[in-house]
Amino acid sequence: MNLTVRNIAESCSEQQVREFLTRELGHYAKSVEVVDIGKPGAYATVELAANVPYVGDVIARQIQGRHLGGQPLEASADLFSDEPPAER
């Protein structure tokens, strides 16, 4: 199961994003991949150490709205796909 985190500030480095998500998610974060860092559409995909759908939703709600680099993050869990959800 993956967690996709969007709305990452352009000023954030890949290391900052990884450290933030690893700290916030603790043992639930298996791996963190950061894509297009420094660009407006930057996002991170976190492989979660949980396979129960509601756990991913709960984790997404915990990250949703937290601030990183001065911007509120957007998060969603996706059980069936490795691709990030389509942008709004």
N, C-alpha and C. Protein backbone atom coordinates (compact mmCIF):
# COMPACT_ATOMS: atom_id res chain seq x y z
N MET A 1 0.85 -1.16 0.00
CA MET A 1 0.00 0.00 0.00
C MET A 1 0.90 1.23 0.00
N ASN A 2 0.49 2.22 -0.78
CA ASN A 2 1.26 3.44 -0.89
C ASN A 2 0.50 4.64 -0.36
N LEU A 3 1.25 5.59 0.12
CA LEU A 3 0.72 6.88 0.54
C LEU A 3 1.35 7.91 -0.39
N THR A 4 0.54 8.75 -0.99
CA THR A 4 1.06 9.81 -1.86
C THR A 4 0.89 11.14 -1.13
N VAL A 5 1.98 11.89 -1.07
CA VAL A 5 1.98 13.18 -0.40
C VAL A 5 2.30 14.25 -1.44
N ARG A 6 1.40 15.21 -1.58
CA ARG A 6 1.54 16.28 -2.58
C ARG A 6 1.62 17.64 -1.89
N ASN A 7 1.77 18.67 -2.71
CA ASN A 7 1.86 20.06 -2.26
C ASN A 7 3.14 20.30 -1.46
N ILE A 8 4.22 19.70 -1.92
CA ILE A 8 5.52 19.88 -1.27
C ILE A 8 6.12 21.19 -1.76
N ALA A 9 6.54 22.02 -0.84
CA ALA A 9 7.10 23.33 -1.17
C ALA A 9 8.33 23.18 -2.06
N GLU A 10 8.45 24.07 -3.03
CA GLU A 10 9.60 24.05 -3.94
C GLU A 10 10.91 24.26 -3.19
N SER A 11 10.86 24.91 -2.04
CA SER A 11 12.07 25.20 -1.27
C SER A 11 12.60 23.99 -0.50
N CYS A 12 11.83 22.92 -0.42
CA CYS A 12 12.25 21.72 0.33
C CYS A 12 13.22 20.88 -0.48
N SER A 13 14.19 20.32 0.22
CA SER A 13 15.12 19.39 -0.42
C SER A 13 14.57 17.97 -0.28
N GLU A 14 15.09 17.07 -1.08
CA GLU A 14 14.68 15.67 -1.01
C GLU A 14 14.95 15.11 0.39
N GLN A 15 16.09 15.47 0.95
CA GLN A 15 16.44 14.99 2.29
C GLN A 15 15.44 15.48 3.34
N GLN A 16 15.02 16.75 3.25
CA GLN A 16 14.04 17.29 4.20
C GLN A 16 12.73 16.52 4.12
N VAL A 17 12.28 16.23 2.90
CA VAL A 17 11.02 15.51 2.71
C VAL A 17 11.14 14.10 3.29
N ARG A 18 12.22 13.41 2.96
CA ARG A 18 12.44 12.04 3.48
C ARG A 18 12.47 12.03 5.01
N GLU A 19 13.24 12.93 5.59
CA GLU A 19 13.36 12.98 7.05
C GLU A 19 12.01 13.30 7.70
N PHE A 20 11.28 14.25 7.15
CA PHE A 20 9.98 14.62 7.70
C PHE A 20 9.02 13.43 7.68
N LEU A 21 8.89 12.80 6.52
CA LEU A 21 7.95 11.69 6.40
C LEU A 21 8.37 10.48 7.24
N THR A 22 9.66 10.22 7.29
CA THR A 22 10.15 9.10 8.11
C THR A 22 9.87 9.38 9.58
N ARG A 23 10.09 10.60 10.01
CA ARG A 23 9.83 10.97 11.41
C ARG A 23 8.34 10.89 11.73
N GLU A 24 7.50 11.44 10.84
CA GLU A 24 6.06 11.48 11.08
C GLU A 24 5.41 10.10 11.01
N LEU A 25 5.90 9.25 10.12
CA LEU A 25 5.27 7.95 9.92
C LEU A 25 5.91 6.82 10.73
N GLY A 26 7.11 7.07 11.22
CA GLY A 26 7.77 6.06 12.05
C GLY A 26 7.89 4.71 11.36
N HIS A 27 7.53 3.65 12.07
CA HIS A 27 7.70 2.29 11.54
C HIS A 27 6.76 1.95 10.38
N TYR A 28 5.78 2.81 10.10
CA TYR A 28 4.89 2.56 8.97
C TYR A 28 5.55 2.85 7.62
N ALA A 29 6.62 3.63 7.61
CA ALA A 29 7.29 4.00 6.35
C ALA A 29 8.36 2.97 6.01
N LYS A 30 8.09 2.16 4.98
CA LYS A 30 9.09 1.20 4.49
C LYS A 30 10.13 1.93 3.64
N SER A 31 9.63 2.72 2.69
CA SER A 31 10.53 3.47 1.81
C SER A 31 9.83 4.75 1.36
N VAL A 32 10.65 5.74 1.03
CA VAL A 32 10.12 7.04 0.59
C VAL A 32 10.80 7.39 -0.73
N GLU A 33 9.99 7.67 -1.75
CA GLU A 33 10.50 8.12 -3.03
C GLU A 33 9.98 9.53 -3.27
N VAL A 34 10.89 10.46 -3.55
CA VAL A 34 10.52 11.85 -3.79
C VAL A 34 10.72 12.14 -5.28
N VAL A 35 9.69 12.73 -5.90
CA VAL A 35 9.70 12.95 -7.34
C VAL A 35 9.55 14.45 -7.64
N ASP A 36 10.33 14.92 -8.59
CA ASP A 36 10.26 16.31 -9.09
C ASP A 36 10.49 17.34 -7.99
N ILE A 37 11.39 17.07 -7.07
CA ILE A 37 11.67 18.00 -5.98
C ILE A 37 12.15 19.33 -6.56
N GLY A 38 11.72 20.42 -5.96
CA GLY A 38 12.08 21.76 -6.42
C GLY A 38 11.18 22.29 -7.52
N LYS A 39 10.17 21.48 -7.90
CA LYS A 39 9.22 21.90 -8.94
C LYS A 39 7.83 22.01 -8.31
N PRO A 40 6.94 22.75 -8.97
CA PRO A 40 5.59 22.92 -8.41
C PRO A 40 4.81 21.62 -8.21
N GLY A 41 5.05 20.61 -9.02
CA GLY A 41 4.30 19.36 -8.92
C GLY A 41 4.99 18.28 -8.11
N ALA A 42 5.94 18.65 -7.26
CA ALA A 42 6.69 17.65 -6.49
C ALA A 42 5.75 16.85 -5.60
N TYR A 43 6.05 15.55 -5.47
CA TYR A 43 5.29 14.69 -4.58
C TYR A 43 6.18 13.58 -4.06
N ALA A 44 5.72 12.90 -3.06
CA ALA A 44 6.44 11.77 -2.50
C ALA A 44 5.50 10.58 -2.44
N THR A 45 6.06 9.42 -2.70
CA THR A 45 5.32 8.17 -2.56
C THR A 45 5.98 7.39 -1.44
N VAL A 46 5.19 6.99 -0.46
CA VAL A 46 5.70 6.25 0.68
C VAL A 46 5.11 4.85 0.63
N GLU A 47 5.97 3.85 0.62
CA GLU A 47 5.49 2.48 0.72
C GLU A 47 5.23 2.22 2.20
N LEU A 48 3.99 1.90 2.51
CA LEU A 48 3.60 1.68 3.90
C LEU A 48 3.74 0.22 4.31
N ALA A 49 4.13 0.02 5.54
CA ALA A 49 4.22 -1.33 6.10
C ALA A 49 2.88 -1.71 6.70
N ALA A 50 1.84 -1.61 5.89
CA ALA A 50 0.48 -1.95 6.31
C ALA A 50 -0.31 -2.33 5.07
N ASN A 51 -1.08 -3.38 5.16
CA ASN A 51 -1.86 -3.82 4.00
C ASN A 51 -3.36 -3.73 4.22
N VAL A 52 -3.76 -3.17 5.32
CA VAL A 52 -5.19 -3.02 5.61
C VAL A 52 -5.61 -1.63 5.15
N PRO A 53 -6.60 -1.55 4.25
CA PRO A 53 -6.96 -0.26 3.65
C PRO A 53 -7.23 0.86 4.64
N TYR A 54 -7.94 0.59 5.70
CA TYR A 54 -8.28 1.67 6.63
C TYR A 54 -7.06 2.24 7.33
N VAL A 55 -6.02 1.45 7.49
CA VAL A 55 -4.79 1.95 8.12
C VAL A 55 -4.17 3.03 7.24
N GLY A 56 -4.13 2.79 5.93
CA GLY A 56 -3.59 3.78 5.02
C GLY A 56 -4.40 5.07 5.04
N ASP A 57 -5.72 4.94 5.13
CA ASP A 57 -6.57 6.13 5.20
C ASP A 57 -6.33 6.91 6.48
N VAL A 58 -6.17 6.21 7.58
CA VAL A 58 -5.91 6.87 8.86
C VAL A 58 -4.56 7.60 8.81
N ILE A 59 -3.56 6.95 8.25
CA ILE A 59 -2.24 7.56 8.13
C ILE A 59 -2.32 8.80 7.23
N ALA A 60 -3.04 8.70 6.13
CA ALA A 60 -3.19 9.85 5.22
C ALA A 60 -3.84 11.02 5.95
N ARG A 61 -4.85 10.74 6.76
CA ARG A 61 -5.52 11.82 7.51
C ARG A 61 -4.58 12.47 8.52
N GLN A 62 -3.65 11.68 9.07
CA GLN A 62 -2.70 12.23 10.03
C GLN A 62 -1.70 13.18 9.36
N ILE A 63 -1.32 12.88 8.13
CA ILE A 63 -0.36 13.71 7.39
C ILE A 63 -1.05 14.90 6.73
N GLN A 64 -2.29 14.71 6.30
CA GLN A 64 -3.06 15.75 5.62
C GLN A 64 -3.05 17.05 6.45
N GLY A 65 -2.63 18.12 5.82
CA GLY A 65 -2.66 19.42 6.49
C GLY A 65 -1.43 19.76 7.31
N ARG A 66 -0.58 18.77 7.58
CA ARG A 66 0.67 19.10 8.28
C ARG A 66 1.49 19.99 7.38
N HIS A 67 2.29 20.85 7.97
CA HIS A 67 3.06 21.82 7.20
C HIS A 67 4.51 21.37 7.03
N LEU A 68 4.99 21.51 5.82
CA LEU A 68 6.39 21.25 5.50
C LEU A 68 6.81 22.36 4.54
N GLY A 69 7.83 23.09 4.90
CA GLY A 69 8.28 24.20 4.06
C GLY A 69 7.25 25.30 3.94
N GLY A 70 6.40 25.43 4.97
CA GLY A 70 5.41 26.50 4.98
C GLY A 70 4.13 26.21 4.22
N GLN A 71 4.00 25.00 3.69
CA GLN A 71 2.79 24.65 2.93
C GLN A 71 2.10 23.44 3.56
N PRO A 72 0.77 23.44 3.56
CA PRO A 72 0.04 22.29 4.08
C PRO A 72 0.11 21.13 3.08
N LEU A 73 0.44 19.97 3.58
CA LEU A 73 0.55 18.79 2.71
C LEU A 73 -0.82 18.20 2.41
N GLU A 74 -0.90 17.54 1.26
CA GLU A 74 -2.08 16.78 0.87
C GLU A 74 -1.65 15.33 0.80
N ALA A 75 -2.43 14.44 1.39
CA ALA A 75 -2.05 13.03 1.42
C ALA A 75 -3.23 12.13 1.10
N SER A 76 -2.93 11.03 0.42
CA SER A 76 -3.96 10.04 0.13
C SER A 76 -3.33 8.66 0.06
N ALA A 77 -4.08 7.67 0.49
CA ALA A 77 -3.62 6.28 0.44
C ALA A 77 -4.21 5.62 -0.78
N ASP A 78 -3.41 4.77 -1.41
CA ASP A 78 -3.87 4.06 -2.59
C ASP A 78 -3.45 2.61 -2.46
N LEU A 79 -4.41 1.74 -2.24
CA LEU A 79 -4.14 0.33 -2.01
C LEU A 79 -3.76 -0.41 -3.28
N PHE A 80 -4.32 -0.02 -4.43
CA PHE A 80 -4.21 -0.85 -5.62
C PHE A 80 -3.27 -0.37 -6.71
N SER A 81 -2.63 0.77 -6.53
CA SER A 81 -1.80 1.30 -7.60
C SER A 81 -0.52 1.91 -7.06
N ASP A 82 0.55 1.78 -7.85
CA ASP A 82 1.81 2.43 -7.49
C ASP A 82 1.88 3.84 -8.07
N GLU A 83 0.91 4.21 -8.90
CA GLU A 83 0.89 5.52 -9.52
C GLU A 83 0.22 6.52 -8.59
N PRO A 84 0.72 7.77 -8.55
CA PRO A 84 0.05 8.79 -7.73
C PRO A 84 -1.32 9.11 -8.31
N PRO A 85 -2.26 9.51 -7.47
CA PRO A 85 -3.58 9.86 -7.98
C PRO A 85 -3.50 11.07 -8.92
N ALA A 86 -4.43 11.18 -9.82
CA ALA A 86 -4.44 12.27 -10.78
C ALA A 86 -4.57 13.61 -10.04
N GLU A 87 -3.88 14.62 -10.59
CA GLU A 87 -3.96 15.95 -9.97
C GLU A 87 -5.33 16.53 -10.22
N ARG A 88 -5.75 17.38 -9.28
CA ARG A 88 -7.05 18.03 -9.42
C ARG A 88 -7.01 19.18 -10.34
